[in-house]
Amino acid sequence: MILGNQVEWALHCMSILSRMPEDVIVPSALLAEFHGVPKEYLSKALQQLANEGILITSRGAKGGYKLARSPKMINLLQIVEAIEGRKSTFNCQEIRLNNPCSVKEKKGRLPICSIAAVMYEADDAWREVLVSKKLSDINRDVEAKVSKEVLRQSVEWFLERI
């Protein structure tokens, strides 16, 4: 499974937005410039987050985005699913039924394919990890790894341009 670039972009933007003063709305163009990513694609991802109620959007000359709720209330799976959708990462095509050597029973349903069962279990496992991790957890980790000065300058970079 490969997640699209927009997931990474969205996660970084959410982390930045969570550091902004509560009343600040950040334009998508500034988020794109700060991260060095295409504005059009980032805007689409941010709009998807707004559609899911994770971000609040404001239109117009002073338009942009801010968090809809506390970083403690936003888990990473919500962000990923807002961008990538909620479908399973595995789609069993039941090719076992094409085996010319097996006896094909027409009665009832077959038990779940062993391969599909493991793949669905793996899908559930990565989702459980993402549900257990909140945006606030990511922020805490960033704060442990990035100097306070860089974090302060990052927020100021936005505030000077809004």
Protein backbone atom coordinates (compact mmCIF):
# COMPACT_ATOMS: atom_id res chain seq x y z
CA MET A 1 0.00 0.00 0.00
CA ILE A 2 1.29 3.41 -0.91
CA LEU A 3 -0.36 6.54 0.42
CA GLY A 4 -0.37 9.58 -1.82
CA ASN A 5 1.82 12.64 -1.28
CA GLN A 6 -1.22 14.58 -0.15
CA VAL A 7 -1.37 12.52 3.06
CA GLU A 8 2.11 13.65 4.06
CA TRP A 9 1.31 17.23 3.07
CA ALA A 10 -1.95 17.19 5.04
CA LEU A 11 -0.27 15.80 8.16
CA HIS A 12 2.43 18.49 8.07
CA CYS A 13 -0.16 21.22 7.47
CA MET A 14 -2.28 19.97 10.34
CA SER A 15 0.75 20.13 12.62
CA ILE A 16 1.49 23.71 11.52
CA LEU A 17 -2.16 24.76 11.88
CA SER A 18 -2.28 23.33 15.39
CA ARG A 19 0.53 25.72 16.41
CA MET A 20 -1.29 28.83 15.21
CA PRO A 21 -3.21 31.11 17.57
CA GLU A 22 -6.85 30.02 17.69
CA ASP A 23 -8.19 33.01 15.76
CA VAL A 24 -5.67 32.74 12.89
CA ILE A 25 -6.78 31.46 9.49
CA VAL A 26 -3.92 30.36 7.24
CA PRO A 27 -4.25 30.58 3.45
CA SER A 28 -3.49 27.39 1.53
CA ALA A 29 -1.03 29.34 -0.65
CA LEU A 30 1.13 30.06 2.41
CA LEU A 31 0.99 26.44 3.55
CA ALA A 32 2.05 25.35 0.05
CA GLU A 33 4.86 27.90 -0.08
CA PHE A 34 6.13 26.95 3.38
CA HIS A 35 6.26 23.25 2.50
CA GLY A 36 7.34 23.68 -1.12
CA VAL A 37 4.41 21.73 -2.55
CA PRO A 38 1.97 22.51 -5.38
CA LYS A 39 -0.79 24.84 -4.16
CA GLU A 40 -3.53 23.27 -6.32
CA TYR A 41 -2.97 19.74 -5.00
CA LEU A 42 -2.54 20.90 -1.41
CA SER A 43 -5.74 22.96 -1.65
CA LYS A 44 -7.63 19.86 -2.73
CA ALA A 45 -6.33 17.93 0.29
CA LEU A 46 -7.18 20.77 2.67
CA GLN A 47 -10.68 21.01 1.21
CA GLN A 48 -11.14 17.27 1.79
CA LEU A 49 -10.15 17.80 5.43
CA ALA A 50 -12.67 20.63 5.67
CA ASN A 51 -15.37 18.45 4.10
CA GLU A 52 -14.76 15.90 6.85
CA GLY A 53 -15.04 18.54 9.58
CA ILE A 54 -11.37 18.35 10.53
CA LEU A 55 -10.61 21.86 9.31
CA ILE A 56 -12.69 25.01 9.18
CA THR A 57 -12.44 26.93 5.94
CA SER A 58 -13.01 30.59 5.36
CA ARG A 59 -13.42 32.02 1.86
CA GLY A 60 -12.50 35.40 0.49
CA ALA A 61 -9.46 37.65 0.56
CA LYS A 62 -8.67 36.66 4.15
CA GLY A 63 -9.67 33.04 3.56
CA GLY A 64 -7.83 29.95 4.58
CA TYR A 65 -7.95 27.13 7.11
CA LYS A 66 -7.77 26.44 10.81
CA LEU A 67 -8.37 23.39 12.96
CA ALA A 68 -11.99 22.55 13.66
CA ARG A 69 -11.14 20.98 17.02
CA SER A 70 -8.29 20.36 19.43
CA PRO A 71 -5.28 18.32 18.24
CA LYS A 72 -6.12 15.91 21.07
CA MET A 73 -9.42 15.19 19.31
CA ILE A 74 -7.98 14.49 15.84
CA ASN A 75 -6.48 11.08 15.16
CA LEU A 76 -4.22 10.37 12.21
CA LEU A 77 -6.63 7.89 10.64
CA GLN A 78 -9.21 10.67 10.30
CA ILE A 79 -6.68 12.70 8.32
CA VAL A 80 -5.57 9.77 6.15
CA GLU A 81 -9.14 8.69 5.40
CA ALA A 82 -10.19 12.24 4.57
CA ILE A 83 -7.54 12.23 1.84
CA GLU A 84 -7.46 8.59 0.71
CA GLY A 85 -10.97 7.41 1.51
CA ARG A 86 -12.15 4.61 3.76
CA LYS A 87 -11.86 1.63 1.45
CA SER A 88 -9.82 -1.38 2.44
CA THR A 89 -6.25 -1.57 1.20
CA PHE A 90 -6.94 -5.12 -0.03
CA ASN A 91 -9.60 -6.19 -2.47
CA CYS A 92 -10.00 -9.97 -2.61
CA GLN A 93 -10.91 -11.09 -6.11
CA GLU A 94 -11.58 -14.70 -4.99
CA ILE A 95 -9.17 -16.09 -7.61
CA ARG A 96 -9.05 -19.30 -5.54
CA LEU A 97 -12.35 -20.13 -7.20
CA ASN A 98 -10.52 -20.33 -10.55
CA ASN A 99 -8.45 -23.33 -9.40
CA PRO A 100 -9.20 -26.07 -11.96
CA CYS A 101 -8.22 -28.77 -9.44
CA SER A 102 -10.59 -27.82 -6.62
CA VAL A 103 -14.06 -29.20 -6.19
CA LYS A 104 -16.46 -26.36 -6.67
CA GLU A 105 -19.25 -26.44 -4.19
CA LYS A 106 -22.31 -24.52 -5.21
CA LYS A 107 -23.98 -24.78 -1.79
CA GLY A 108 -23.55 -22.00 0.73
CA ARG A 109 -20.68 -19.61 1.13
CA LEU A 110 -17.06 -20.61 1.30
CA PRO A 111 -15.05 -19.67 4.39
CA ILE A 112 -13.02 -16.51 3.99
CA CYS A 113 -9.87 -16.98 1.99
CA SER A 114 -6.82 -17.40 4.27
CA ILE A 115 -4.89 -14.81 2.27
CA ALA A 116 -7.74 -12.32 2.42
CA ALA A 117 -8.10 -12.90 6.18
CA VAL A 118 -4.43 -12.01 6.79
CA MET A 119 -4.61 -8.99 4.49
CA TYR A 120 -7.75 -7.70 6.23
CA GLU A 121 -6.04 -8.24 9.60
CA ALA A 122 -3.05 -6.20 8.40
CA ASP A 123 -5.39 -3.47 7.14
CA ASP A 124 -7.09 -3.36 10.55
CA ALA A 125 -3.70 -3.22 12.32
CA TRP A 126 -2.38 -0.13 10.53
CA ARG A 127 -5.72 1.59 11.03
CA GLU A 128 -5.60 0.80 14.76
CA VAL A 129 -2.15 2.41 15.01
CA LEU A 130 -3.37 5.55 13.24
CA VAL A 131 -6.51 5.74 15.39
CA SER A 132 -4.36 5.51 18.52
CA LYS A 133 -2.13 8.41 17.44
CA LYS A 134 -3.50 11.91 17.83
CA LEU A 135 -2.26 15.08 16.18
CA SER A 136 -1.20 16.17 19.68
CA ASP A 137 1.07 13.09 19.89
CA ILE A 138 2.80 14.11 16.67
CA ASN A 139 3.19 17.67 17.95
CA ARG A 140 4.71 16.43 21.19
CA ASP A 141 7.23 14.37 19.21
CA VAL A 142 8.06 17.33 16.94
CA GLU A 143 8.60 19.53 20.01
CA ALA A 144 11.06 16.96 21.36
CA LYS A 145 13.04 16.91 18.11
CA VAL A 146 12.84 20.48 16.78
CA SER A 147 14.21 23.46 18.66
CA LYS A 148 11.78 25.89 20.26
CA GLU A 149 13.40 28.64 18.20
CA VAL A 150 12.64 26.92 14.88
CA LEU A 151 9.07 26.24 15.97
CA ARG A 152 8.65 29.88 17.03
CA GLN A 153 10.15 31.15 13.78
CA SER A 154 7.85 28.86 11.80
CA VAL A 155 4.76 30.32 13.43
CA GLU A 156 6.10 33.85 12.99
CA TRP A 157 6.78 33.14 9.29
CA PHE A 158 3.05 32.61 8.79
CA LEU A 159 1.89 35.44 11.04
CA GLU A 160 4.09 37.95 9.19
CA ARG A 161 2.47 36.99 5.86
CA ILE A 162 -1.18 36.80 6.85
